[in-house]
Structures are given as structure tokens and as C-alpha cells.
Protein backbone atom coordinates (compact mmCIF):
# COMPACT_ATOMS: atom_id res chain seq x y z
CA MET A 1 5.02 8.38 3.38
CA SER A 2 8.41 10.16 2.68
CA VAL A 3 10.54 10.90 0.10
CA LYS A 4 13.68 8.64 0.35
CA ILE A 5 16.96 8.73 -1.66
CA LYS A 6 16.19 5.51 -3.32
CA ASP A 7 13.05 7.11 -4.66
CA LEU A 8 15.62 9.84 -6.47
CA LEU A 9 17.75 6.94 -7.93
CA VAL A 10 14.77 5.23 -10.02
CA LEU A 11 14.13 8.86 -12.17
CA ASN A 12 15.79 8.95 -15.82
CA LEU A 13 17.49 12.27 -14.73
CA PHE A 14 19.80 10.09 -12.33
CA LYS A 15 20.09 7.09 -14.71
CA SER A 16 23.90 7.53 -14.64
CA ALA A 17 24.34 7.79 -10.71
CA ARG A 18 26.88 5.81 -9.18
CA VAL A 19 26.41 5.10 -4.88
CA GLU A 20 29.83 5.28 -4.17
CA ALA A 21 29.15 4.69 -0.36
CA GLY A 22 26.74 4.57 2.18
CA LYS A 23 24.13 2.40 0.28
CA LYS A 24 22.42 1.25 3.82
CA GLY A 25 21.40 4.87 4.15
CA LEU A 26 19.38 4.83 0.83
CA ASP A 27 16.17 4.72 2.91
CA ASN A 28 17.07 7.88 4.61
CA GLU A 29 14.27 10.66 4.16
CA ILE A 30 14.84 13.83 2.39
CA LYS A 31 13.30 16.95 4.00
CA ARG A 32 14.99 19.06 1.82
CA ILE A 33 17.37 19.72 -0.73
CA ASN A 34 20.39 21.93 -0.08
CA PHE A 35 23.47 23.58 -1.76
CA SER A 36 26.91 23.44 -0.16
CA ASP A 37 30.09 24.52 -2.67
CA CYS A 38 32.11 26.73 -0.21
CA PRO A 39 34.16 26.37 2.56
CA ILE A 40 33.20 25.23 6.07
CA LEU A 41 33.88 28.62 8.13
CA ASP A 42 32.51 28.17 11.10
CA ASP A 43 30.34 25.69 12.62
CA VAL A 44 27.89 27.63 14.52
CA LEU A 45 27.05 29.76 11.37
CA ASP A 46 26.54 26.92 9.03
CA HIS A 47 24.56 24.74 11.37
CA LYS A 48 21.91 27.58 10.98
CA LEU A 49 21.63 27.31 7.59
CA VAL A 50 20.95 23.20 7.30
CA LYS A 51 17.80 21.44 8.98
CA LYS A 52 17.96 17.62 9.78
CA GLY A 53 17.10 15.66 6.72
CA ASP A 54 18.83 18.16 4.08
CA CYS A 55 20.06 16.55 0.97
CA PHE A 56 23.15 18.29 -0.38
CA ILE A 57 24.61 18.82 -3.88
CA ASN A 58 28.47 19.69 -3.75
CA SER A 59 30.94 19.57 -6.70
CA LEU A 60 33.55 19.16 -3.95
CA TYR A 61 35.48 22.13 -5.94
CA ILE A 62 36.69 23.64 -2.67
CA VAL A 63 38.43 20.88 -1.06
CA LYS A 64 38.97 18.62 -4.57
CA ASP A 65 42.77 18.89 -3.72
CA ASP A 66 42.22 18.34 0.50
CA ASP A 67 41.25 14.85 1.37
CA ASP A 68 41.12 15.99 4.90
CA LYS A 69 39.09 18.96 4.30
CA MET A 70 36.56 16.98 2.11
CA LEU A 71 36.50 14.25 4.81
CA GLU A 72 35.42 17.48 7.35
CA VAL A 73 32.77 18.36 4.55
CA PHE A 74 30.84 14.94 5.05
CA GLU A 75 31.34 14.95 8.88
CA PHE A 76 29.51 17.99 8.96
CA TYR A 77 27.09 16.93 6.75
CA VAL A 78 26.74 13.43 8.91
CA ASN A 79 26.79 15.48 12.25
CA SER A 80 24.02 17.92 11.03
CA GLY A 81 21.42 14.68 10.18
CA SER A 82 21.81 15.22 6.52
CA SER A 83 20.30 12.53 4.75
CA GLY A 84 22.93 11.91 1.90
CA ALA A 85 25.13 13.90 -0.54
CA PHE A 86 24.93 14.03 -4.74
CA VAL A 87 28.21 14.91 -5.71
CA ILE A 88 28.64 16.24 -9.36
CA ASP A 89 31.74 14.61 -10.85
CA GLU A 90 33.04 17.46 -12.57
CA PHE A 91 35.98 17.93 -9.99
CA VAL A 92 35.87 14.94 -8.37
CA LYS A 93 35.70 11.74 -10.06
CA ILE A 94 36.86 9.43 -7.50
CA ILE A 95 35.71 9.51 -3.91
CA PRO A 96 38.79 8.88 -1.17
CA LYS A 97 38.87 5.47 0.66
CA LYS A 98 38.71 7.31 4.08
CA ILE A 99 35.68 9.37 3.27
CA ILE A 100 33.56 6.05 1.29
CA GLN A 101 34.48 4.39 4.97
CA TYR A 102 33.20 6.81 6.65
CA ALA A 103 30.20 7.21 4.74
CA ASP A 104 29.69 3.60 5.17
CA LYS A 105 30.14 3.81 8.79
CA ASN A 106 27.28 6.13 9.14
CA ASN A 107 25.03 4.93 6.72
CA PHE A 108 25.68 8.46 4.59
CA PRO A 109 24.97 7.97 1.03
CA ILE A 110 27.30 9.50 -1.54
CA ILE A 111 25.95 9.64 -4.98
CA LEU A 112 28.27 10.41 -7.88
CA ILE A 113 26.40 12.52 -10.63
CA ASP A 114 27.59 13.23 -14.22
CA SER A 115 28.47 16.79 -14.45
CA ASN A 116 25.92 16.73 -17.37
CA VAL A 117 22.88 17.12 -15.01
CA PRO A 118 21.84 20.74 -14.14
CA TYR A 119 21.98 21.43 -10.41
CA ALA A 120 18.88 23.03 -11.30
CA ASP A 121 17.03 19.70 -12.65
CA ILE A 122 18.28 17.91 -9.74
CA ILE A 123 16.66 19.89 -7.12
CA LYS A 124 13.30 20.76 -8.95
CA ALA A 125 12.99 16.86 -9.43
CA THR A 126 13.68 16.51 -5.68
CA MET A 127 11.36 19.33 -4.50
CA GLU A 128 8.64 18.33 -7.16
CA MET A 129 8.68 14.76 -5.25
CA ILE A 130 8.62 16.46 -1.67
CA LEU A 131 5.70 18.27 -2.64
CA LEU A 132 3.83 16.07 -3.85
CA ASP A 133 4.44 13.70 -0.95
CA GLN A 134 3.50 16.28 1.55
CA SER A 135 0.36 16.46 -0.77
CA ASP A 136 -0.12 13.05 -0.01
CA ILE A 137 0.12 13.40 3.63
CA ILE A 138 -2.85 15.71 4.19
CA SER A 139 -5.06 13.47 1.45
CA GLU A 140 -4.39 10.91 3.57
CA MET A 141 -4.77 12.48 6.90
CA ARG A 142 -8.50 13.64 5.71
CA ILE A 143 -9.31 10.65 4.07
CA ASP A 144 -8.32 8.70 7.75
CA ARG A 145 -10.74 11.58 9.22
CA LEU A 146 -13.60 10.45 6.84
CA LEU A 147 -12.79 6.86 7.67
CA ASP A 148 -13.49 7.52 11.12
CA LYS A 149 -16.91 6.51 12.89
CA ASN A 150 -17.69 9.73 14.55
CA VAL A 151 -17.04 12.11 11.49
CA ARG A 152 -20.06 14.27 11.44
CA LYS A 153 -21.90 14.93 7.93
CA GLU A 154 -20.48 18.56 7.44
CA GLU A 155 -17.12 17.37 8.03
CA VAL A 156 -17.81 14.40 5.17
CA LEU A 157 -18.94 17.18 2.54
CA ARG A 158 -16.23 19.80 3.10
CA THR A 159 -13.53 17.21 3.01
CA ALA A 160 -14.73 15.29 0.03
CA LYS A 161 -14.94 18.76 -2.12
CA HIS A 162 -11.17 18.88 -1.39
CA ILE A 163 -10.66 15.37 -2.19
CA ASN A 164 -12.42 15.22 -5.05
CA GLY A 165 -13.28 18.42 -7.12
CA SER A 166 -14.83 16.99 -10.21
CA PHE A 167 -18.09 15.30 -8.96
CA LYS A 168 -20.81 14.65 -11.29
CA LYS A 169 -24.17 12.90 -11.20
CA ASN A 170 -22.45 9.53 -9.85
CA TYR A 171 -19.23 8.46 -8.49
CA ALA A 172 -17.50 5.39 -6.93
CA ALA A 173 -14.07 4.46 -5.39
CA LEU A 174 -11.68 1.94 -6.61
CA TYR A 175 -8.73 1.37 -4.37
CA PHE A 176 -6.09 -1.07 -5.46
CA LYS A 177 -2.12 -2.09 -4.66
CA ILE A 178 0.42 -3.39 -7.11
CA GLU A 179 3.27 -5.71 -5.68
CA ASN A 180 6.77 -4.46 -6.15
CA ILE A 181 5.93 -1.48 -7.99
CA THR A 182 8.78 1.29 -8.46
CA TYR A 183 8.17 4.69 -7.43
CA GLU A 184 9.01 5.55 -11.34
CA LYS A 185 6.23 3.00 -12.84
CA GLU A 186 3.88 4.62 -9.50
CA ARG A 187 4.37 8.13 -10.79
CA PHE A 188 3.55 7.04 -14.33
CA LEU A 189 0.34 5.15 -13.46
CA ARG A 190 -0.78 8.03 -11.69
CA SER A 191 -0.08 10.66 -14.26
CA ASP A 192 -2.15 8.29 -16.62
CA LEU A 193 -4.96 8.09 -14.24
CA LYS A 194 -4.76 12.08 -13.68
CA GLY A 195 -5.14 12.13 -17.65
CA ILE A 196 -8.45 11.43 -17.15
CA ASN A 197 -10.99 14.26 -16.18
CA GLU A 198 -13.37 11.65 -14.50
CA PHE A 199 -10.69 10.25 -12.31
CA GLU A 200 -9.23 11.27 -9.02
CA PRO A 201 -6.18 9.19 -8.09
CA ILE A 202 -4.98 9.71 -4.21
CA LYS A 203 -1.95 7.80 -2.90
CA TYR A 204 -3.26 6.17 0.50
CA LYS A 205 -1.53 3.69 2.76
CA ASN A 206 0.99 2.43 0.22
CA GLY A 207 -1.87 1.54 -2.34
CA MET A 208 -3.75 3.88 -4.75
CA LEU A 209 -7.49 5.38 -4.30
CA VAL A 210 -9.25 6.25 -7.27
CA ILE A 211 -12.45 8.28 -7.33
CA ILE A 212 -14.49 7.99 -10.46
CA ASN A 213 -16.75 10.38 -11.65
CA PHE A 214 -19.70 10.00 -14.16
CA ASP A 215 -23.04 10.94 -15.50
CA ASN A 216 -24.32 8.10 -17.25
CA LEU A 217 -24.26 4.63 -15.25
CA ARG A 218 -23.72 2.89 -18.81
CA VAL A 219 -20.03 4.14 -18.68
CA PHE A 220 -19.04 3.27 -14.92
CA ASN A 221 -18.21 -0.46 -16.06
CA SER A 222 -16.02 0.81 -18.79
CA HIS A 223 -14.34 3.36 -16.62
CA VAL A 224 -13.57 0.19 -14.15
CA SER A 225 -12.36 -1.83 -16.77
CA TYR A 226 -10.06 0.90 -18.49
CA VAL A 227 -8.37 1.50 -14.55
CA ILE A 228 -8.20 -2.31 -14.59
CA ASP A 229 -6.38 -2.58 -17.72
CA LEU A 230 -4.11 0.38 -16.86
CA ILE A 231 -2.68 -1.20 -13.42
CA LYS A 232 -2.06 -4.27 -15.51
CA ARG A 233 0.17 -2.42 -17.73
CA TYR A 234 2.45 -1.57 -14.62
CA GLY A 235 2.59 -5.15 -12.24
CA SER A 236 1.06 -8.29 -12.43
CA GLY A 237 0.66 -8.71 -8.51
CA TYR A 238 -2.18 -6.46 -7.85
CA LYS A 239 -5.65 -6.61 -5.84
CA ILE A 240 -8.55 -4.41 -6.40
CA GLY A 241 -11.40 -3.33 -4.53
CA VAL A 242 -14.39 -1.67 -5.99
CA SER A 243 -17.28 0.44 -4.39
CA ASN A 244 -20.90 0.73 -5.22
CA ILE A 245 -22.22 3.70 -7.07
CA PHE A 246 -23.06 6.52 -5.29
CA SER A 247 -25.08 9.98 -6.02
CA ARG A 248 -25.01 11.83 -2.56
CA ILE A 249 -21.94 13.49 -1.72
CA ARG A 250 -22.69 13.23 1.82
CA ASN A 251 -22.22 9.14 1.37
CA PHE A 252 -18.53 9.81 0.16
CA HIS A 253 -16.88 8.44 3.39
CA HIS A 254 -19.03 5.38 2.73
CA CYS A 255 -17.70 5.50 -0.77
CA ILE A 256 -14.18 5.25 0.33
CA SER A 257 -14.71 2.64 3.09
CA GLN A 258 -16.45 0.13 0.77
CA SER A 259 -13.49 0.11 -1.85
CA ILE A 260 -10.90 -0.41 1.11
CA SER A 261 -13.26 -3.27 2.68
CA SER A 262 -13.66 -4.72 -0.73
CA PHE A 263 -9.69 -4.62 -1.17
CA GLU A 264 -8.97 -5.97 2.16
CA ILE A 265 -11.59 -8.76 1.45
CA SER A 266 -9.75 -9.28 -1.81
CA LYS A 267 -6.99 -10.31 -0.07
CA ILE A 268 -8.97 -12.73 2.32
CA ILE A 269 -10.69 -14.56 -0.57
CA ASP A 270 -7.95 -14.62 -2.84
CA ASP A 271 -9.65 -12.72 -5.79
CA THR A 272 -7.92 -9.97 -7.68
CA VAL A 273 -11.11 -7.62 -8.24
CA VAL A 274 -13.83 -7.37 -5.61
CA HIS A 275 -17.17 -5.56 -5.72
CA TYR A 276 -18.60 -4.72 -2.60
CA LYS A 277 -22.00 -5.34 -4.12
CA ASP A 278 -20.82 -8.74 -4.55
CA LEU A 279 -19.53 -9.57 -1.11
CA ASN A 280 -22.77 -10.62 0.48
CA VAL A 281 -22.36 -11.88 3.93
CA TYR A 282 -18.76 -10.60 3.95
CA LYS A 283 -19.93 -7.04 3.68
CA ILE A 284 -21.25 -7.76 7.30
CA LEU A 285 -19.02 -10.07 8.97
CA TYR A 286 -15.81 -7.92 8.01
CA PRO A 287 -16.29 -4.54 9.77
CA LEU A 288 -18.07 -6.43 12.93
CA LYS A 289 -14.41 -8.99 13.07
CA GLU A 290 -13.00 -7.42 16.13
CA THR A 291 -16.51 -7.53 18.12
CA TYR A 292 -16.63 -9.94 20.97
CA GLN A 293 -19.80 -11.32 19.40
CA ILE A 294 -18.18 -12.84 16.41
CA ARG A 295 -15.29 -13.97 18.02
CA ASP A 296 -17.37 -15.95 20.30
CA PHE A 297 -19.47 -17.39 17.59
CA TYR A 298 -16.07 -18.29 15.90
CA LYS A 299 -15.57 -20.15 18.87
CA GLU A 300 -18.43 -22.17 19.05
CA ILE A 301 -18.84 -23.68 16.06
CA ILE A 302 -15.06 -23.37 14.26
CA GLN A 303 -13.43 -24.34 17.74
CA PRO A 304 -15.13 -27.98 18.25
CA ILE A 305 -14.06 -29.17 14.59
CA LYS A 306 -10.87 -27.77 14.65
CA GLU A 307 -10.07 -29.64 17.74
CA TYR A 308 -11.26 -32.53 16.43
CA ASP A 309 -9.64 -32.52 13.59
CA SER A 310 -6.41 -31.67 15.25
CA TYR A 311 -6.43 -34.69 17.10
CA TYR A 312 -7.56 -37.56 14.53
CA ASN A 313 -6.20 -35.54 11.74
CA ALA A 314 -9.63 -35.71 10.12
CA ASP A 315 -9.71 -32.86 7.37
CA LEU A 316 -13.38 -32.18 8.78
CA ILE A 317 -12.84 -28.49 8.08
CA LYS A 318 -11.33 -28.77 4.32
CA THR A 319 -14.17 -31.36 3.58
CA ILE A 320 -17.03 -29.12 4.84
CA GLY A 321 -15.11 -26.05 2.70
CA LEU A 322 -15.21 -28.05 -0.42
CA TYR A 323 -18.73 -29.55 0.25
CA LEU A 324 -20.16 -26.01 0.24
CA GLU A 325 -18.10 -24.66 -2.85
CA ASN A 326 -19.94 -27.52 -4.07
CA ASP A 327 -23.34 -27.05 -3.36
CA GLY A 328 -23.35 -29.82 -1.08
CA ASP A 329 -22.44 -32.62 -3.89
CA TYR A 330 -21.01 -35.25 -2.00
CA LYS A 331 -19.69 -36.88 -5.30
CA LYS A 332 -17.70 -33.80 -6.56
CA THR A 333 -16.56 -33.27 -3.22
CA ALA A 334 -15.21 -36.83 -2.84
CA ASN A 335 -13.41 -36.51 -6.23
CA GLN A 336 -11.41 -33.53 -5.33
CA LEU A 337 -10.51 -35.08 -2.19
CA HIS A 338 -9.77 -38.02 -3.68
CA GLN A 339 -12.02 -39.95 -1.07
CA HIS A 340 -15.15 -42.63 -1.28
CA GLU A 341 -18.23 -40.64 -1.35
CA ASN A 342 -19.30 -42.47 2.26
CA THR A 343 -16.10 -40.89 3.76
CA VAL A 344 -17.35 -37.25 2.72
CA ARG A 345 -20.78 -38.14 3.83
CA TYR A 346 -19.16 -39.22 7.49
CA ARG A 347 -17.10 -36.51 7.76
CA ILE A 348 -20.03 -34.03 7.38
CA LEU A 349 -22.38 -36.15 9.78
CA LYS A 350 -19.37 -36.22 12.13
CA ALA A 351 -19.16 -32.12 12.31
CA LYS A 352 -22.66 -31.96 12.72
CA LYS A 353 -22.24 -34.33 15.76
CA LEU A 354 -19.81 -32.13 16.91
CA LEU A 355 -22.06 -28.99 16.57
CA ASP A 356 -25.13 -31.29 17.94
CA LEU A 357 -26.88 -30.44 14.83
CA GLU A 358 -27.42 -33.58 13.27
CA ASN A 359 -30.91 -33.52 12.74
CA ASN A 360 -30.85 -30.17 11.27
CA HIS A 361 -29.33 -29.50 8.02
CA LEU A 362 -30.33 -26.20 7.18
CA LYS A 363 -29.03 -25.19 10.30
CA PHE A 364 -25.67 -26.30 10.06
CA ILE A 365 -25.25 -25.12 6.52
CA GLU A 366 -26.36 -21.82 7.63
CA GLN A 367 -24.02 -21.76 10.80
CA ILE A 368 -21.00 -23.54 9.20
CA SER A 369 -20.84 -21.32 6.10
CA ILE A 370 -20.82 -18.14 8.14
CA ALA A 371 -18.08 -19.72 11.01
CA LEU A 372 -15.72 -20.42 7.85
CA LYS A 373 -16.14 -16.87 6.10
CA ILE A 374 -15.12 -15.60 9.88
CA ASP A 375 -12.30 -17.79 10.28
CA SER A 376 -10.94 -16.51 6.88
CA ILE A 377 -11.70 -12.91 7.84
CA LEU A 378 -9.54 -13.70 11.36
CA ASN A 379 -7.01 -15.83 10.42
CA SER A 380 -6.16 -14.38 7.07
CA LYS A 381 -1.86 -13.80 6.82
CA ASN A 382 -2.35 -10.92 4.41
CA ASP A 383 -1.15 -7.33 5.58
CA ARG A 384 -3.27 -4.79 6.65
CA LEU A 385 -3.33 -1.28 4.84
């Protein structure tokens, strides 16, 4: 989490800005906005006035008629670890070629800004973003602490009240990510969410955590629907995880954990909106995914079938998966696979024999269904938080 040069450029304030050099440095992090429009007289003194990560505003008025002196300004910026420079184009309309080459070589962005844009607006917009980012970092650290399995009850209560100042009789959490959402759209979405008194949106791990507070249980579904509709306005590719409803503040960490787990599982089962209450056995298996017992069970059940599939190209795993989805309907499964019904029966029987369960159908269904869920959890190609 950090404010980068490219984040500023998406703001309406910078719609006429032109990146003249250093495009590869647009990911440079801005720590502070700084102002420089005077001669560089004493290198030692001037270095005390700057910090690594400063982003400078300069009209270059002092050096507008001397390219060598202008280059010295940008050498000073680069050598002090600055992130970039906004040049007001009142006096300098074109950046000299040798400065462009120097900036490109050092991945130092030089952005020309229309002279009608006030310095104060640039400073205000940048500092607002930096302060919001710092607030998000603190909130993320608090949430990470809540998700620690060793968190104490007193810390949960204290942190919950810091994060969510609008607790009502009931509350729940919703966690989501939208693919390729721009910084500006995310800012507008967050503003829309903050406009509802019952909602508390929090930036977390490149996604958004929304605490929903309410008294009447009947309004919960409408609140969730409203958030989902709002998300749809800002992007088409999204996944959402929704927690159960809670009433006691001391369970706040469980609420957040449920929403994030639901989000993670939404990626595994490729569903858009997943409610924790509907996860069934996934809610048991997912938290245990790293344990030896889960992996050992997985190897015992899935590995023999996968090895057979690999050797004979038999499609047993695919057949079993469809067979389970179709509630054991051989004919429906055969139609979907474009195979004869007897072929499906043979494959299911072969899988049972591989597991030494040909005479125990219920045990086979129980074990293979759990093992396939574990397989989807362990082999999901989706990125983590």
C-alpha cells in the first residue's frame, strides 16, 4: 500500500498533465510533496531540506534560460532519492532533450502541468492521498492483528471499536476485490460506501472490507444487495465474500475472518458472491488446508486416481466430479461427457476399486467428495490476498 506517481495522474486535477520523461518510474512511491523554485546554492544545506520519496513541484523559472543549470536541478532530485517532479509549464513549455534522456535513464518522471492548476491544489490532493494511505496502513495492521490466532479478547474489543465506530445491534462483513479497478474509481466507490451511515469501508490487501451495521435483521439482505449493485457499477470482474450475522463485538475477528475466507473460496469454486453460511464442508476444510492431516487424506484418496488417469488417460477425476454434481445420475453425466452410460458406470467402479471401496458406495461418495474439495483448495491457481 503506497501512493505512487501514477495514482495522482488519474485524478481529474491532472487530466491535462503530460508525462515528458521517466515513464518507467511512474510506480515510484510518493512520501511527501515538496516545493522547489529557487537556486540550488548549497548541496549540503539543500539535502537537509529533502527526504527520500519527495515529489517536487517546480516552475523552473530560475533556470529556464540555462539548460545546464536545469540539468543540475534534476540531478539534485535524482541524487536525493526523489520520486518525481511536476513542472508547471508557465515558463518552460518543452523539456530539453538531454534532461529527458537523463530522466529516462534514471526512471525519474517529469510531468508537465498546466499553469492554470494552482500549486495549492496539487499539494492538497497529494497530501490527502498520502494521509489516506497512512490511515489504510494502520487499519490493515489492525485487521492483521485481529486475524492472528493468538489475539486476546481485550484486544479484539479495543480494535473493533477503532475500526468500526458505528456498531448496532447486529453487524456483518463483506470483503471484495474488483479486477483492474482504477485508483479514481476505487476512491469514488469508497466515497459512495462511506456515504451510508450503516457502512464502514476499509481498504485491505488490495481489496475492500465493508462492515455492515444494522438493527433489523430484515434489512441485512437489502444492504448486501446494495453493496453488490454498487460494486457492479465500478467493474465487471469481481469476487465477494459475505460473513454470517453477529451481535457480540467480541466476535468481531470471526466476522472479518469469515468474509475473507468466503472471498478466498469464491475464487476456488469460481462463484461471484459467496456467503459463509453456504460454504458447508468448505468452511471446515479451508482453515485446515496447510495441515498434515488434510494433505495426507488428499494423497490417500486423490493420488491413486490421478496416477491412473495420468497413465491411462481415463478421465476418472472429471467423471467423478460431474457424477457428484449430478447427484449420482449416470445418464445425465454420460450426456455431459458425450459417453455411453456404461462407460460412466465403469469409470466410477474403477475409482471405487482403486480405493478398495467397490462394496461401500456411501463411504466412497463421502471420501471422494471431500477429497475433491481439498483438491480444489490445494490446487487453486488464484492469487492469494
